[in-house]
N, C-alpha and C. Protein backbone atom coordinates (compact mmCIF):
# COMPACT_ATOMS: atom_id res chain seq x y z
N VAL A 1 16.72 3.00 -0.45
CA VAL A 1 15.28 3.20 -0.41
C VAL A 1 14.87 3.24 1.11
N ALA A 2 14.19 4.26 1.42
CA ALA A 2 13.46 4.25 2.62
C ALA A 2 12.06 3.66 2.53
N ASN A 3 11.58 3.11 3.47
CA ASN A 3 10.21 2.48 3.54
C ASN A 3 9.34 3.04 4.64
N VAL A 4 8.07 3.56 4.24
CA VAL A 4 7.09 4.04 4.89
C VAL A 4 5.84 3.13 4.95
N ASN A 5 5.47 2.56 6.20
CA ASN A 5 4.25 1.65 6.17
C ASN A 5 3.03 2.54 6.56
N ILE A 6 2.00 2.16 5.75
CA ILE A 6 0.65 2.93 5.87
C ILE A 6 -0.31 2.03 6.00
N GLY A 7 -1.19 2.03 7.15
CA GLY A 7 -2.39 1.23 7.28
C GLY A 7 -3.42 1.88 6.60
N VAL A 8 -4.25 1.10 5.92
CA VAL A 8 -5.58 1.70 5.23
C VAL A 8 -6.75 1.06 6.00
N LEU A 9 -7.39 1.78 6.80
CA LEU A 9 -8.57 1.24 7.64
C LEU A 9 -9.91 1.87 7.18
N GLY A 10 -10.84 1.22 7.47
CA GLY A 10 -12.22 1.81 7.05
C GLY A 10 -13.30 0.49 7.24
N HIS A 11 -14.51 0.96 7.08
CA HIS A 11 -15.57 -0.02 7.20
C HIS A 11 -15.66 -0.90 5.89
N VAL A 12 -16.37 -1.93 5.94
CA VAL A 12 -16.74 -2.79 4.67
C VAL A 12 -17.17 -2.05 3.59
N ASP A 13 -16.73 -2.18 2.36
CA ASP A 13 -17.20 -1.53 1.22
C ASP A 13 -17.03 0.04 1.33
N SER A 14 -15.95 0.54 1.93
CA SER A 14 -15.64 1.91 1.96
C SER A 14 -14.71 2.32 0.96
N GLY A 15 -14.21 1.38 0.28
CA GLY A 15 -13.15 1.61 -0.81
C GLY A 15 -11.77 1.46 -0.42
N LYS A 16 -11.50 0.77 0.64
CA LYS A 16 -10.06 0.48 0.92
C LYS A 16 -9.29 -0.19 -0.09
N THR A 17 -9.74 -1.31 -0.59
CA THR A 17 -9.12 -2.13 -1.56
C THR A 17 -9.06 -1.34 -2.88
N SER A 18 -10.09 -0.66 -3.31
CA SER A 18 -9.95 0.17 -4.56
C SER A 18 -8.76 1.17 -4.42
N LEU A 19 -8.76 1.83 -3.39
CA LEU A 19 -7.68 2.87 -3.21
C LEU A 19 -6.42 2.25 -3.34
N VAL A 20 -6.09 1.10 -2.63
CA VAL A 20 -4.83 0.57 -2.66
C VAL A 20 -4.47 0.09 -4.10
N ARG A 21 -5.50 -0.50 -4.69
CA ARG A 21 -5.26 -1.07 -6.02
C ARG A 21 -4.90 -0.05 -6.96
N VAL A 22 -5.44 1.33 -6.89
CA VAL A 22 -5.07 2.37 -7.77
C VAL A 22 -3.67 2.95 -7.59
N LEU A 23 -3.24 2.95 -6.21
CA LEU A 23 -2.05 3.56 -5.86
C LEU A 23 -0.84 2.56 -6.04
N SER A 24 -1.07 1.21 -6.09
CA SER A 24 -0.02 0.33 -5.78
C SER A 24 0.52 -0.15 -7.13
N THR A 25 1.91 -0.52 -7.27
CA THR A 25 2.41 -1.18 -8.41
C THR A 25 2.91 -2.41 -8.05
N LEU A 26 3.19 -2.83 -6.82
CA LEU A 26 3.53 -4.19 -6.36
C LEU A 26 2.50 -4.80 -5.40
N PHE A 27 2.20 -5.90 -5.69
CA PHE A 27 1.12 -6.55 -4.89
C PHE A 27 1.74 -7.94 -4.16
N SER A 28 1.23 -8.24 -3.10
CA SER A 28 1.38 -9.62 -2.49
C SER A 28 0.41 -10.52 -2.85
N THR A 29 0.67 -11.79 -2.66
CA THR A 29 -0.29 -12.83 -3.04
C THR A 29 -1.64 -12.77 -2.17
N ALA A 30 -1.48 -12.10 -0.99
CA ALA A 30 -2.70 -12.05 -0.19
C ALA A 30 -3.41 -10.80 -0.38
N SER A 31 -3.06 -9.94 -1.28
CA SER A 31 -3.74 -8.67 -1.36
C SER A 31 -4.81 -8.60 -2.25
N LEU A 32 -5.65 -7.56 -2.06
CA LEU A 32 -6.79 -7.23 -3.04
C LEU A 32 -7.94 -8.12 -2.90
N ASP A 33 -8.29 -8.62 -1.76
CA ASP A 33 -9.51 -9.34 -1.58
C ASP A 33 -9.64 -10.51 -2.57
N LYS A 34 -8.68 -11.36 -2.75
CA LYS A 34 -8.78 -12.34 -3.87
C LYS A 34 -9.63 -13.55 -3.55
N HIS A 35 -10.04 -13.81 -2.42
CA HIS A 35 -10.80 -15.00 -2.00
C HIS A 35 -12.21 -14.81 -2.45
N PRO A 36 -12.78 -15.65 -3.30
CA PRO A 36 -14.22 -15.43 -3.89
C PRO A 36 -15.24 -15.31 -2.78
N GLN A 37 -15.08 -16.14 -1.71
CA GLN A 37 -16.02 -16.18 -0.66
C GLN A 37 -15.95 -14.74 0.03
N SER A 38 -14.83 -14.27 0.23
CA SER A 38 -14.72 -12.94 0.85
C SER A 38 -15.40 -11.91 0.12
N LYS A 39 -15.30 -11.99 -1.29
CA LYS A 39 -15.98 -10.96 -2.05
C LYS A 39 -17.55 -11.27 -1.85
N GLU A 40 -17.95 -12.48 -2.03
CA GLU A 40 -19.44 -12.60 -1.90
C GLU A 40 -20.07 -12.21 -0.51
N ARG A 41 -19.24 -12.30 0.48
CA ARG A 41 -19.67 -12.03 1.87
C ARG A 41 -19.57 -10.49 2.25
N GLY A 42 -18.56 -9.96 1.41
CA GLY A 42 -18.15 -8.55 1.66
C GLY A 42 -17.29 -8.30 2.75
N ILE A 43 -16.43 -9.30 2.99
CA ILE A 43 -15.35 -9.26 4.07
C ILE A 43 -13.98 -9.53 3.47
N THR A 44 -13.04 -9.05 4.27
CA THR A 44 -11.65 -9.25 4.05
C THR A 44 -11.12 -10.11 5.21
N LEU A 45 -10.51 -11.23 4.94
CA LEU A 45 -10.01 -12.14 5.87
C LEU A 45 -8.55 -12.12 6.02
N ASP A 46 -7.86 -11.69 4.90
CA ASP A 46 -6.46 -11.63 4.93
C ASP A 46 -5.95 -10.12 4.97
N LEU A 47 -4.72 -9.90 5.36
CA LEU A 47 -4.11 -8.55 5.22
C LEU A 47 -3.40 -8.66 3.91
N GLY A 48 -3.67 -7.57 3.09
CA GLY A 48 -2.96 -7.40 1.82
C GLY A 48 -1.91 -6.40 1.98
N PHE A 49 -0.81 -6.66 1.49
CA PHE A 49 0.47 -5.76 1.50
C PHE A 49 0.71 -5.37 -0.05
N SER A 50 0.77 -4.17 -0.26
CA SER A 50 1.18 -3.71 -1.71
C SER A 50 1.97 -2.50 -1.36
N ALA A 51 2.74 -2.08 -2.52
CA ALA A 51 3.65 -1.01 -2.36
C ALA A 51 3.70 -0.14 -3.60
N PHE A 52 4.27 1.00 -3.53
CA PHE A 52 4.66 1.84 -4.65
C PHE A 52 5.90 2.72 -4.27
N THR A 53 6.62 2.98 -5.20
CA THR A 53 7.84 3.79 -5.05
C THR A 53 7.79 5.06 -5.64
N THR A 54 8.38 6.14 -5.07
CA THR A 54 8.44 7.47 -5.60
C THR A 54 9.87 7.90 -5.45
N ASP A 55 10.26 8.94 -6.22
CA ASP A 55 11.49 9.65 -5.89
C ASP A 55 11.42 10.54 -4.51
N LEU A 56 12.59 10.53 -3.98
CA LEU A 56 12.63 11.31 -2.57
C LEU A 56 12.28 12.75 -2.85
N PRO A 57 11.38 13.34 -2.12
CA PRO A 57 10.83 14.69 -2.20
C PRO A 57 12.07 15.74 -2.06
N GLU A 58 12.06 16.75 -2.87
CA GLU A 58 13.15 17.72 -2.68
C GLU A 58 13.40 18.25 -1.31
N HIS A 59 12.29 18.39 -0.45
CA HIS A 59 12.60 18.85 0.91
C HIS A 59 13.32 17.91 1.76
N LEU A 60 13.37 16.60 1.47
CA LEU A 60 14.06 15.58 2.21
C LEU A 60 15.40 15.46 1.58
N LYS A 61 15.72 15.69 0.48
CA LYS A 61 16.99 15.55 -0.11
C LYS A 61 18.09 16.28 0.63
N GLU A 62 17.74 17.38 1.26
CA GLU A 62 18.79 18.05 2.07
C GLU A 62 19.01 17.26 3.35
N SER A 63 18.15 16.64 3.92
CA SER A 63 18.31 15.76 5.17
C SER A 63 18.98 14.64 4.82
N PHE A 64 18.87 13.99 3.94
CA PHE A 64 19.58 12.54 3.54
C PHE A 64 20.67 12.63 2.65
N GLY A 65 20.84 13.66 2.03
CA GLY A 65 21.95 13.78 1.06
C GLY A 65 21.98 12.75 0.00
N ASP A 66 23.09 12.00 -0.11
CA ASP A 66 23.16 11.13 -1.26
C ASP A 66 22.68 9.55 -0.78
N LYS A 67 22.39 9.58 0.48
CA LYS A 67 22.04 8.35 1.13
C LYS A 67 20.79 7.59 0.42
N LEU A 68 19.86 8.42 0.23
CA LEU A 68 18.44 7.82 -0.30
C LEU A 68 18.20 8.73 -1.58
N ASP A 69 17.51 7.94 -2.51
CA ASP A 69 17.01 8.61 -3.57
C ASP A 69 15.59 8.23 -3.95
N LYS A 70 14.97 7.29 -3.21
CA LYS A 70 13.65 6.71 -3.31
C LYS A 70 13.00 6.53 -2.04
N ILE A 71 11.61 6.55 -2.02
CA ILE A 71 10.86 6.17 -0.81
C ILE A 71 9.80 5.08 -1.36
N GLN A 72 9.82 4.03 -0.67
CA GLN A 72 8.85 3.02 -0.93
C GLN A 72 7.69 3.05 0.24
N TYR A 73 6.52 3.19 -0.32
CA TYR A 73 5.23 3.24 0.65
C TYR A 73 4.62 1.86 0.56
N THR A 74 4.69 1.20 1.68
CA THR A 74 3.89 -0.18 1.96
C THR A 74 2.59 0.05 2.50
N LEU A 75 1.60 -0.29 1.71
CA LEU A 75 0.14 -0.17 2.14
C LEU A 75 -0.34 -1.42 2.67
N VAL A 76 -0.93 -1.44 3.89
CA VAL A 76 -1.59 -2.62 4.48
C VAL A 76 -3.13 -2.43 4.54
N ASP A 77 -3.82 -3.38 3.92
CA ASP A 77 -5.22 -3.16 3.94
C ASP A 77 -5.90 -4.54 4.21
């Protein structure tokens, strides 16, 4: 499995966490603005790490052969 790290940046209340929540299947304990005070104040104090995995796209299969079959995208917000 190859890993691609993606930073999700934006202003407060721009939808960063909502986007990450929809795309992700794996979440860390620090992800998704879980702290109630953060929600009340509209701020994020922790970095959240979440991830999703997809099959290796056809155009990359020629480059990697049988070495890889999946790509994991790790989102940081």
